[in-house]
Amino acid sequence: MLKISEAKSGGYAVTLCLEGRIIGPWIAELRRACEQILDHGRPLTLRLADVEFMEAEGVVLLIALRCRGVSITDSPPFIAEQLKTVPEVEPRAQDGKLIGEPR
């Protein structure tokens, strides 16, 4: 399970706090939540302090989001390492959105 909650802020930028596991159907839910914010042109930060595990597809999504200007903060050491050691990701257009796929 993945809990996605918006941090309280008075500004225009949005911070989503993630808690749990970025796996299976929760990857699509995270993508949807991020797209809603990015489609409105709002700056987005993902706070990963409470992420326990992430599948490869989740890593690809986070790298693609980072390529789109999303900030990723408070990554646990193992998640930070995953984001460093993944094959280079090339964002490309699909259905009008940018996504990332391993080359």
C-alpha atoms as a PDB file:
ATOM      1  CA  MET A   1       0.000   0.000   0.000  1.00  0.00           C
ATOM      2  CA  LEU A   2       1.104   3.567  -0.685  1.00  0.00           C
ATOM      3  CA  LYS A   3      -0.265   6.548   1.189  1.00  0.00           C
ATOM      4  CA  ILE A   4      -0.033   9.841  -0.705  1.00  0.00           C
ATOM      5  CA  SER A   5      -0.770  12.951   1.320  1.00  0.00           C
ATOM      6  CA  GLU A   6      -0.293  16.620   0.604  1.00  0.00           C
ATOM      7  CA  ALA A   7       1.836  18.533   3.095  1.00  0.00           C
ATOM      8  CA  LYS A   8       0.243  21.666   4.483  1.00  0.00           C
ATOM      9  CA  SER A   9       1.567  24.751   2.770  1.00  0.00           C
ATOM     10  CA  GLY A  10       0.285  28.200   2.128  1.00  0.00           C
ATOM     11  CA  GLY A  11       2.089  28.575  -1.177  1.00  0.00           C
ATOM     12  CA  TYR A  12       1.565  27.639  -4.773  1.00  0.00           C
ATOM     13  CA  ALA A  13       4.037  24.738  -4.720  1.00  0.00           C
ATOM     14  CA  VAL A  14       2.829  21.278  -3.687  1.00  0.00           C
ATOM     15  CA  THR A  15       4.655  18.687  -1.604  1.00  0.00           C
ATOM     16  CA  LEU A  16       3.365  15.131  -1.659  1.00  0.00           C
ATOM     17  CA  CYS A  17       4.482  12.926   1.224  1.00  0.00           C
ATOM     18  CA  LEU A  18       4.721   9.256   0.298  1.00  0.00           C
ATOM     19  CA  GLU A  19       4.455   6.476   2.856  1.00  0.00           C
ATOM     20  CA  GLY A  20       4.684   2.738   2.220  1.00  0.00           C
ATOM     21  CA  ARG A  21       5.590   0.840  -0.926  1.00  0.00           C
ATOM     22  CA  ILE A  22       5.769   2.166  -4.498  1.00  0.00           C
ATOM     23  CA  ILE A  23       4.683  -1.030  -6.233  1.00  0.00           C
ATOM     24  CA  GLY A  24       2.065  -2.445  -8.605  1.00  0.00           C
ATOM     25  CA  PRO A  25      -1.136  -0.413  -8.899  1.00  0.00           C
ATOM     26  CA  TRP A  26       0.202   2.277  -6.548  1.00  0.00           C
ATOM     27  CA  ILE A  27       2.687   3.362  -9.223  1.00  0.00           C
ATOM     28  CA  ALA A  28      -0.191   4.328 -11.521  1.00  0.00           C
ATOM     29  CA  GLU A  29      -1.898   6.115  -8.633  1.00  0.00           C
ATOM     30  CA  LEU A  30       1.264   8.101  -7.889  1.00  0.00           C
ATOM     31  CA  ARG A  31       1.611   8.978 -11.590  1.00  0.00           C
ATOM     32  CA  ARG A  32      -2.011  10.175 -11.661  1.00  0.00           C
ATOM     33  CA  ALA A  33      -1.580  12.298  -8.517  1.00  0.00           C
ATOM     34  CA  CYS A  34       1.573  13.925  -9.906  1.00  0.00           C
ATOM     35  CA  GLU A  35       0.039  14.557 -13.331  1.00  0.00           C
ATOM     36  CA  GLN A  36      -2.918  16.379 -11.755  1.00  0.00           C
ATOM     37  CA  ILE A  37      -0.523  18.821 -10.100  1.00  0.00           C
ATOM     38  CA  LEU A  38       1.884  19.172 -13.028  1.00  0.00           C
ATOM     39  CA  ASP A  39      -0.990  19.704 -15.492  1.00  0.00           C
ATOM     40  CA  HIS A  40      -1.841  22.873 -13.530  1.00  0.00           C
ATOM     41  CA  GLY A  41       1.749  24.103 -13.823  1.00  0.00           C
ATOM     42  CA  ARG A  42       2.389  23.917 -10.083  1.00  0.00           C
ATOM     43  CA  PRO A  43       5.875  23.080  -8.765  1.00  0.00           C
ATOM     44  CA  LEU A  44       5.944  19.629  -7.172  1.00  0.00           C
ATOM     45  CA  THR A  45       8.125  18.026  -4.510  1.00  0.00           C
ATOM     46  CA  LEU A  46       7.949  14.370  -3.510  1.00  0.00           C
ATOM     47  CA  ARG A  47       9.007  13.600   0.069  1.00  0.00           C
ATOM     48  CA  LEU A  48      10.138   9.958   0.303  1.00  0.00           C
ATOM     49  CA  ALA A  49      11.195   9.720   3.968  1.00  0.00           C
ATOM     50  CA  ASP A  50       8.614   7.027   4.746  1.00  0.00           C
ATOM     51  CA  VAL A  51       8.950   4.908   1.598  1.00  0.00           C
ATOM     52  CA  GLU A  52       9.815   1.314   2.545  1.00  0.00           C
ATOM     53  CA  PHE A  53      10.310  -0.250  -0.886  1.00  0.00           C
ATOM     54  CA  MET A  54      10.109   0.627  -4.566  1.00  0.00           C
ATOM     55  CA  GLU A  55       9.856  -1.596  -7.653  1.00  0.00           C
ATOM     56  CA  ALA A  56      11.901  -0.863 -10.776  1.00  0.00           C
ATOM     57  CA  GLU A  57       8.857   0.663 -12.501  1.00  0.00           C
ATOM     58  CA  GLY A  58       8.510   3.081  -9.579  1.00  0.00           C
ATOM     59  CA  VAL A  59      12.154   4.058  -9.922  1.00  0.00           C
ATOM     60  CA  VAL A  60      11.614   4.761 -13.623  1.00  0.00           C
ATOM     61  CA  LEU A  61       8.589   6.917 -12.790  1.00  0.00           C
ATOM     62  CA  LEU A  62      10.512   8.947 -10.204  1.00  0.00           C
ATOM     63  CA  ILE A  63      13.390   9.540 -12.589  1.00  0.00           C
ATOM     64  CA  ALA A  64      10.967  10.619 -15.325  1.00  0.00           C
ATOM     65  CA  LEU A  65       9.285  12.998 -12.882  1.00  0.00           C
ATOM     66  CA  ARG A  66      12.663  14.383 -11.834  1.00  0.00           C
ATOM     67  CA  CYS A  67      13.406  15.018 -15.546  1.00  0.00           C
ATOM     68  CA  ARG A  68      10.230  17.104 -15.605  1.00  0.00           C
ATOM     69  CA  GLY A  69      11.457  19.286 -12.746  1.00  0.00           C
ATOM     70  CA  VAL A  70       9.902  17.468  -9.788  1.00  0.00           C
ATOM     71  CA  SER A  71      12.069  17.697  -6.658  1.00  0.00           C
ATOM     72  CA  ILE A  72      12.653  14.507  -4.699  1.00  0.00           C
ATOM     73  CA  THR A  73      13.577  14.970  -1.046  1.00  0.00           C
ATOM     74  CA  ASP A  74      14.265  12.979   2.120  1.00  0.00           C
ATOM     75  CA  SER A  75      14.966   9.712   0.309  1.00  0.00           C
ATOM     76  CA  PRO A  76      15.979   6.816   2.562  1.00  0.00           C
ATOM     77  CA  PRO A  77      19.514   5.654   1.689  1.00  0.00           C
ATOM     78  CA  PHE A  78      18.385   2.562  -0.238  1.00  0.00           C
ATOM     79  CA  ILE A  79      15.926   4.595  -2.329  1.00  0.00           C
ATOM     80  CA  ALA A  80      18.549   7.268  -3.027  1.00  0.00           C
ATOM     81  CA  GLU A  81      20.883   4.504  -4.185  1.00  0.00           C
ATOM     82  CA  GLN A  82      18.207   3.062  -6.498  1.00  0.00           C
ATOM     83  CA  LEU A  83      17.736   6.472  -8.066  1.00  0.00           C
ATOM     84  CA  LYS A  84      21.501   6.660  -8.726  1.00  0.00           C
ATOM     85  CA  THR A  85      22.080   3.171 -10.119  1.00  0.00           C
ATOM     86  CA  VAL A  86      19.187   2.909 -12.549  1.00  0.00           C
ATOM     87  CA  PRO A  87      19.997   2.790 -16.266  1.00  0.00           C
ATOM     88  CA  GLU A  88      19.752   6.168 -17.929  1.00  0.00           C
ATOM     89  CA  VAL A  89      16.131   7.093 -18.529  1.00  0.00           C
ATOM     90  CA  GLU A  90      15.005   8.928 -21.607  1.00  0.00           C
ATOM     91  CA  PRO A  91      11.764  10.899 -21.247  1.00  0.00           C
ATOM     92  CA  ARG A  92       9.540  10.689 -24.301  1.00  0.00           C
ATOM     93  CA  ALA A  93       6.045  11.723 -25.253  1.00  0.00           C
ATOM     94  CA  GLN A  94       3.223   9.219 -24.868  1.00  0.00           C
ATOM     95  CA  ASP A  95      -0.412  10.271 -24.950  1.00  0.00           C
ATOM     96  CA  GLY A  96       0.664  13.887 -24.592  1.00  0.00           C
ATOM     97  CA  LYS A  97       2.628  13.207 -21.401  1.00  0.00           C
ATOM     98  CA  LEU A  98       6.335  12.724 -20.826  1.00  0.00           C
ATOM     99  CA  ILE A  99       7.276   9.372 -19.361  1.00  0.00           C
ATOM    100  CA  GLY A 100      10.518   7.566 -18.763  1.00  0.00           C
ATOM    101  CA  GLU A 101      11.626   4.236 -20.105  1.00  0.00           C
ATOM    102  CA  PRO A 102      14.960   2.503 -19.715  1.00  0.00           C
ATOM    103  CA  ARG A 103      16.999   2.628 -22.903  1.00  0.00           C
END
